[in-house]
Amino acid sequence: MTAGSGSGEVLFDVDGAVAVVTLNAPDRRNALTPDMARELIGLFDEVDARPEIGALVVRAVGKSFCAGGDIATLTSAGRDPAAPEAYEGMSAIYDSFYRLGQVRVPTVAAVRGSAVGAGMNMLLATDLRIVATDARLLCGFLKRGMHPGGGHFVILSRLIGREAAAAMALFGEEVDGARAAELGLAWEAVDANAVESRALELAARVAADPELARVAVGNFRKEVAGGAVSWEVATQFERPAQMWSMRRSAAD
């Protein structure tokens, strides 16, 4: 790999034609802060600006892929969701996984440990997921007293269908990596120590021709990622409901 860069909480490397973005805040289980989200957006912009890059892998350090939005950020936003700083901070978190979904190269999530809430949105935003057999995948919004956000219902249900999406997003069902692969939530479940190497293997394959990879993934998303409501529209539907639920929780 080339020498890495990043703030410390987000790392960026390039391995041949594959970019690797690493969530590196294990002390808080890689929960997203607004600053971390903004840095992710900047790195996704960098991937797009470098035509020699043909694929992107998103991975994480520690026992969790991503525990969702940072608790302090969510609590602060819940006190007054309309306050400019709170609104902008939550927008940055939304924008980070939405921006991942728009990156111009094929994307792979390498998922070990747990993924909850916004962490689920992060892995759902990618084109393909390789997960550890013992990974723990949980929507978790309602358990926290929050309405889902970020277009969660759309990006989950377009992968696994209405029934499974209802079970996970409404009824709080948790699935492991093996079940995720059965549902179509992941391409493959492998031993935890093989997750990243398998993700990099697949990414390197498509990245061998970066120009073709960019054209192909653009058309792939146009042709297969549609739904009754677009992801962008769903994000706007969910935002006021989530902000209401956060304010309600803060008032308790």
Protein backbone atom coordinates (compact mmCIF):
# COMPACT_ATOMS: atom_id res chain seq x y z
CA MET A 1 0.00 0.00 0.00
CA THR A 2 0.97 3.63 -0.41
CA ALA A 3 1.63 5.62 2.75
CA GLY A 4 -1.61 6.24 4.59
CA SER A 5 -3.18 9.56 5.43
CA GLY A 6 -6.06 10.83 7.53
CA SER A 7 -6.76 12.38 10.89
CA GLY A 8 -6.24 9.24 12.92
CA GLU A 9 -9.96 8.49 13.26
CA VAL A 10 -10.21 7.90 9.52
CA LEU A 11 -7.32 6.40 7.57
CA PHE A 12 -6.79 6.39 3.81
CA ASP A 13 -4.52 4.10 1.81
CA VAL A 14 -4.21 2.99 -1.79
CA ASP A 15 -3.30 -0.61 -2.62
CA GLY A 16 -2.65 -0.80 -6.36
CA ALA A 17 -5.87 0.53 -7.88
CA VAL A 18 -7.90 -0.06 -4.71
CA ALA A 19 -8.56 2.72 -2.20
CA VAL A 20 -9.02 1.64 1.41
CA VAL A 21 -10.85 3.81 3.93
CA THR A 22 -10.56 2.64 7.53
CA LEU A 23 -12.73 3.73 10.45
CA ASN A 24 -10.24 4.04 13.30
CA ALA A 25 -12.06 5.14 16.46
CA PRO A 26 -12.24 1.78 18.29
CA ASP A 27 -12.59 3.37 21.75
CA ARG A 28 -16.13 4.40 20.82
CA ARG A 29 -16.71 1.44 18.49
CA ASN A 30 -16.21 3.68 15.43
CA ALA A 31 -19.37 5.66 16.14
CA LEU A 32 -19.58 8.58 13.73
CA THR A 33 -19.06 12.18 14.82
CA PRO A 34 -19.74 15.10 12.48
CA ASP A 35 -15.99 15.72 12.07
CA MET A 36 -15.36 12.08 11.25
CA ALA A 37 -18.24 12.12 8.76
CA ARG A 38 -16.91 15.24 7.06
CA GLU A 39 -13.51 13.62 6.71
CA LEU A 40 -15.09 10.55 5.14
CA ILE A 41 -16.86 12.76 2.61
CA GLY A 42 -13.56 14.43 1.74
CA LEU A 43 -11.88 11.07 1.20
CA PHE A 44 -14.71 9.86 -1.01
CA ASP A 45 -14.26 13.03 -3.04
CA GLU A 46 -10.56 12.19 -3.35
CA VAL A 47 -11.36 8.71 -4.63
CA ASP A 48 -13.57 10.20 -7.32
CA ALA A 49 -10.86 12.70 -8.31
CA ARG A 50 -8.21 10.02 -8.89
CA PRO A 51 -8.95 8.15 -12.13
CA GLU A 52 -6.33 5.51 -11.41
CA ILE A 53 -8.49 4.22 -8.54
CA GLY A 54 -10.94 1.52 -9.64
CA ALA A 55 -12.53 0.32 -6.39
CA LEU A 56 -12.97 1.25 -2.74
CA VAL A 57 -12.97 -0.94 0.38
CA VAL A 58 -14.39 0.41 3.65
CA ARG A 59 -13.23 -1.38 6.78
CA ALA A 60 -12.84 -0.71 10.49
CA VAL A 61 -10.41 -1.23 13.35
CA GLY A 62 -11.50 -2.88 16.59
CA LYS A 63 -14.42 -5.02 17.67
CA SER A 64 -17.13 -3.03 15.86
CA PHE A 65 -17.54 -1.97 12.26
CA CYS A 66 -19.56 1.07 13.34
CA ALA A 67 -21.84 1.57 16.35
CA GLY A 68 -23.89 4.26 14.61
CA GLY A 69 -23.95 7.95 15.41
CA ASP A 70 -21.84 9.12 18.34
CA ILE A 71 -23.99 9.18 21.50
CA ALA A 72 -22.85 12.66 22.51
CA THR A 73 -23.74 13.97 19.05
CA LEU A 74 -27.18 12.35 19.12
CA THR A 75 -27.90 13.58 22.64
CA SER A 76 -26.89 17.13 21.78
CA ALA A 77 -28.97 17.11 18.60
CA GLY A 78 -31.96 15.76 20.54
CA ARG A 79 -32.07 18.82 22.81
CA ASP A 80 -32.80 21.10 19.86
CA PRO A 81 -32.69 19.33 16.48
CA ALA A 82 -33.38 22.59 14.64
CA ALA A 83 -30.36 24.37 16.13
CA PRO A 84 -27.94 25.14 13.28
CA GLU A 85 -24.98 23.30 14.78
CA ALA A 86 -27.06 20.21 15.60
CA TYR A 87 -28.75 20.21 12.18
CA GLU A 88 -25.43 20.58 10.36
CA GLY A 89 -23.81 17.86 12.47
CA MET A 90 -26.55 15.35 11.80
CA SER A 91 -26.53 16.32 8.13
CA ALA A 92 -22.82 15.51 7.93
CA ILE A 93 -23.47 12.02 9.31
CA TYR A 94 -26.31 11.46 6.84
CA ASP A 95 -24.20 12.82 4.02
CA SER A 96 -21.26 10.52 4.78
CA PHE A 97 -23.05 7.29 3.97
CA TYR A 98 -25.13 8.88 1.21
CA ARG A 99 -21.88 10.14 -0.33
CA LEU A 100 -20.42 6.63 -0.05
CA GLY A 101 -23.36 5.39 -2.08
CA GLN A 102 -22.46 7.87 -4.84
CA VAL A 103 -18.71 7.14 -5.07
CA ARG A 104 -17.88 6.62 -8.72
CA VAL A 105 -16.09 3.29 -8.28
CA PRO A 106 -17.38 -0.09 -7.08
CA THR A 107 -17.42 -0.23 -3.27
CA VAL A 108 -17.06 -3.10 -0.82
CA ALA A 109 -17.70 -3.09 2.94
CA ALA A 110 -15.48 -5.42 4.98
CA VAL A 111 -17.53 -5.95 8.13
CA ARG A 112 -16.28 -7.49 11.36
CA GLY A 113 -17.96 -7.17 14.75
CA SER A 114 -21.15 -5.18 15.14
CA ALA A 115 -22.88 -2.69 12.89
CA VAL A 116 -25.76 -0.68 14.35
CA GLY A 117 -27.92 2.24 13.16
CA ALA A 118 -25.86 4.58 11.02
CA GLY A 119 -23.25 1.82 10.89
CA MET A 120 -25.82 -0.32 9.11
CA ASN A 121 -26.45 2.55 6.72
CA MET A 122 -22.71 2.73 6.03
CA LEU A 123 -22.47 -0.90 4.97
CA LEU A 124 -25.80 -0.72 3.11
CA ALA A 125 -24.43 2.18 1.07
CA THR A 126 -21.78 0.00 -0.56
CA ASP A 127 -22.21 -2.12 -3.66
CA LEU A 128 -21.11 -5.35 -1.98
CA ARG A 129 -20.59 -6.61 1.56
CA ILE A 130 -18.23 -9.26 2.91
CA VAL A 131 -19.05 -9.99 6.55
CA ALA A 132 -17.62 -12.09 9.34
CA THR A 133 -19.67 -15.18 10.11
CA ASP A 134 -20.05 -13.96 13.69
CA ALA A 135 -20.78 -10.31 12.78
CA ARG A 136 -23.75 -8.74 14.56
CA LEU A 137 -26.03 -6.64 12.35
CA LEU A 138 -28.74 -4.67 14.08
CA CYS A 139 -30.80 -1.69 12.87
CA GLY A 140 -31.21 -0.57 16.48
CA PHE A 141 -32.93 2.78 15.91
CA LEU A 142 -36.20 1.95 17.68
CA LYS A 143 -34.33 0.30 20.55
CA ARG A 144 -32.68 3.70 21.17
CA GLY A 145 -36.04 5.45 21.04
CA MET A 146 -35.25 6.95 17.65
CA HIS A 147 -36.95 6.83 14.29
CA PRO A 148 -34.62 5.48 11.58
CA GLY A 149 -32.81 8.07 9.51
CA GLY A 150 -30.75 8.40 6.38
CA GLY A 151 -33.21 6.58 4.11
CA HIS A 152 -32.74 3.41 6.16
CA PHE A 153 -36.00 1.69 5.16
CA VAL A 154 -35.23 2.09 1.45
CA ILE A 155 -31.62 0.98 1.42
CA LEU A 156 -32.35 -2.00 3.69
CA SER A 157 -35.49 -3.24 1.95
CA ARG A 158 -34.06 -2.99 -1.55
CA LEU A 159 -31.48 -5.60 -0.50
CA ILE A 160 -33.48 -8.02 1.61
CA GLY A 161 -37.14 -7.35 0.78
CA ARG A 162 -40.11 -6.15 2.77
CA GLU A 163 -40.48 -9.03 5.22
CA ALA A 164 -36.87 -9.18 6.36
CA ALA A 165 -36.63 -5.39 6.45
CA ALA A 166 -39.70 -5.24 8.69
CA ALA A 167 -38.22 -7.89 10.99
CA MET A 168 -34.96 -5.98 11.36
CA ALA A 169 -36.00 -2.32 11.20
CA LEU A 170 -39.37 -2.48 13.00
CA PHE A 171 -39.20 -5.57 15.18
CA GLY A 172 -35.56 -5.35 16.20
CA GLU A 173 -34.33 -8.67 14.86
CA GLU A 174 -30.55 -9.03 14.93
CA VAL A 175 -28.77 -11.21 12.36
CA ASP A 176 -25.29 -12.66 12.29
CA GLY A 177 -23.08 -12.78 9.25
CA ALA A 178 -24.20 -16.20 8.12
CA ARG A 179 -27.85 -15.16 8.21
CA ALA A 180 -26.99 -11.89 6.47
CA ALA A 181 -25.59 -13.84 3.54
CA GLU A 182 -28.71 -16.02 3.42
CA LEU A 183 -30.91 -12.91 3.30
CA GLY A 184 -28.90 -11.19 0.58
CA LEU A 185 -27.62 -8.56 2.99
CA ALA A 186 -24.08 -9.72 2.23
CA TRP A 187 -22.45 -11.55 -0.64
CA GLU A 188 -20.40 -13.83 1.59
CA ALA A 189 -19.80 -14.65 5.26
CA VAL A 190 -16.27 -15.78 6.11
CA ASP A 191 -14.10 -16.17 9.19
CA ALA A 192 -13.36 -12.82 10.80
CA ASN A 193 -9.66 -13.02 9.98
CA ALA A 194 -10.45 -13.49 6.27
CA VAL A 195 -12.94 -10.64 5.84
CA GLU A 196 -10.56 -7.92 4.72
CA SER A 197 -8.43 -10.11 2.45
CA ARG A 198 -11.55 -11.39 0.68
CA ALA A 199 -12.91 -7.85 0.27
CA LEU A 200 -9.57 -6.67 -1.13
CA GLU A 201 -9.42 -9.65 -3.49
CA LEU A 202 -12.80 -8.78 -4.99
CA ALA A 203 -12.02 -5.08 -5.15
CA ALA A 204 -8.71 -5.69 -6.92
CA ARG A 205 -10.47 -7.80 -9.53
CA VAL A 206 -12.87 -5.06 -10.62
CA ALA A 207 -10.25 -2.32 -10.15
CA ALA A 208 -7.95 -3.92 -12.73
CA ASP A 209 -9.60 -1.67 -15.32
CA PRO A 210 -10.50 1.53 -13.41
CA GLU A 211 -12.11 3.29 -16.36
CA LEU A 212 -14.40 0.37 -17.14
CA ALA A 213 -15.17 -0.15 -13.45
CA ARG A 214 -16.42 3.44 -13.14
CA VAL A 215 -18.66 3.20 -16.19
CA ALA A 216 -20.00 -0.22 -15.23
CA VAL A 217 -20.87 0.63 -11.64
CA GLY A 218 -22.65 3.81 -12.71
CA ASN A 219 -24.95 1.87 -14.98
CA PHE A 220 -25.31 -0.99 -12.50
CA ARG A 221 -26.71 1.40 -9.90
CA LYS A 222 -29.07 3.05 -12.37
CA GLU A 223 -30.44 -0.30 -13.50
CA VAL A 224 -30.74 -2.27 -10.26
CA ALA A 225 -30.96 0.15 -7.32
CA GLY A 226 -34.39 1.65 -8.00
CA GLY A 227 -37.37 1.47 -5.68
CA ALA A 228 -40.85 2.83 -5.08
CA VAL A 229 -39.25 5.83 -3.38
CA SER A 230 -35.71 7.00 -4.10
CA TRP A 231 -33.08 6.93 -1.38
CA GLU A 232 -32.78 10.72 -1.55
CA VAL A 233 -36.53 11.20 -1.07
CA ALA A 234 -36.62 8.61 1.72
CA THR A 235 -33.90 10.52 3.57
CA GLN A 236 -36.12 13.60 3.57
CA PHE A 237 -39.14 11.57 4.72
CA GLU A 238 -37.24 10.11 7.63
CA ARG A 239 -35.41 13.18 8.84
CA PRO A 240 -38.26 15.07 10.55
CA ALA A 241 -39.47 11.85 12.19
CA GLN A 242 -36.01 11.08 13.50
CA MET A 243 -35.49 14.65 14.75
CA TRP A 244 -38.85 14.49 16.55
CA SER A 245 -37.90 11.19 18.20
CA MET A 246 -34.54 12.60 19.32
CA ARG A 247 -36.15 15.70 20.84
CA ARG A 248 -38.68 13.51 22.63
CA SER A 249 -35.92 11.36 24.11
CA ALA A 250 -33.94 14.40 25.25
CA ALA A 251 -36.99 15.76 27.06
CA ASP A 252 -37.49 12.56 29.10
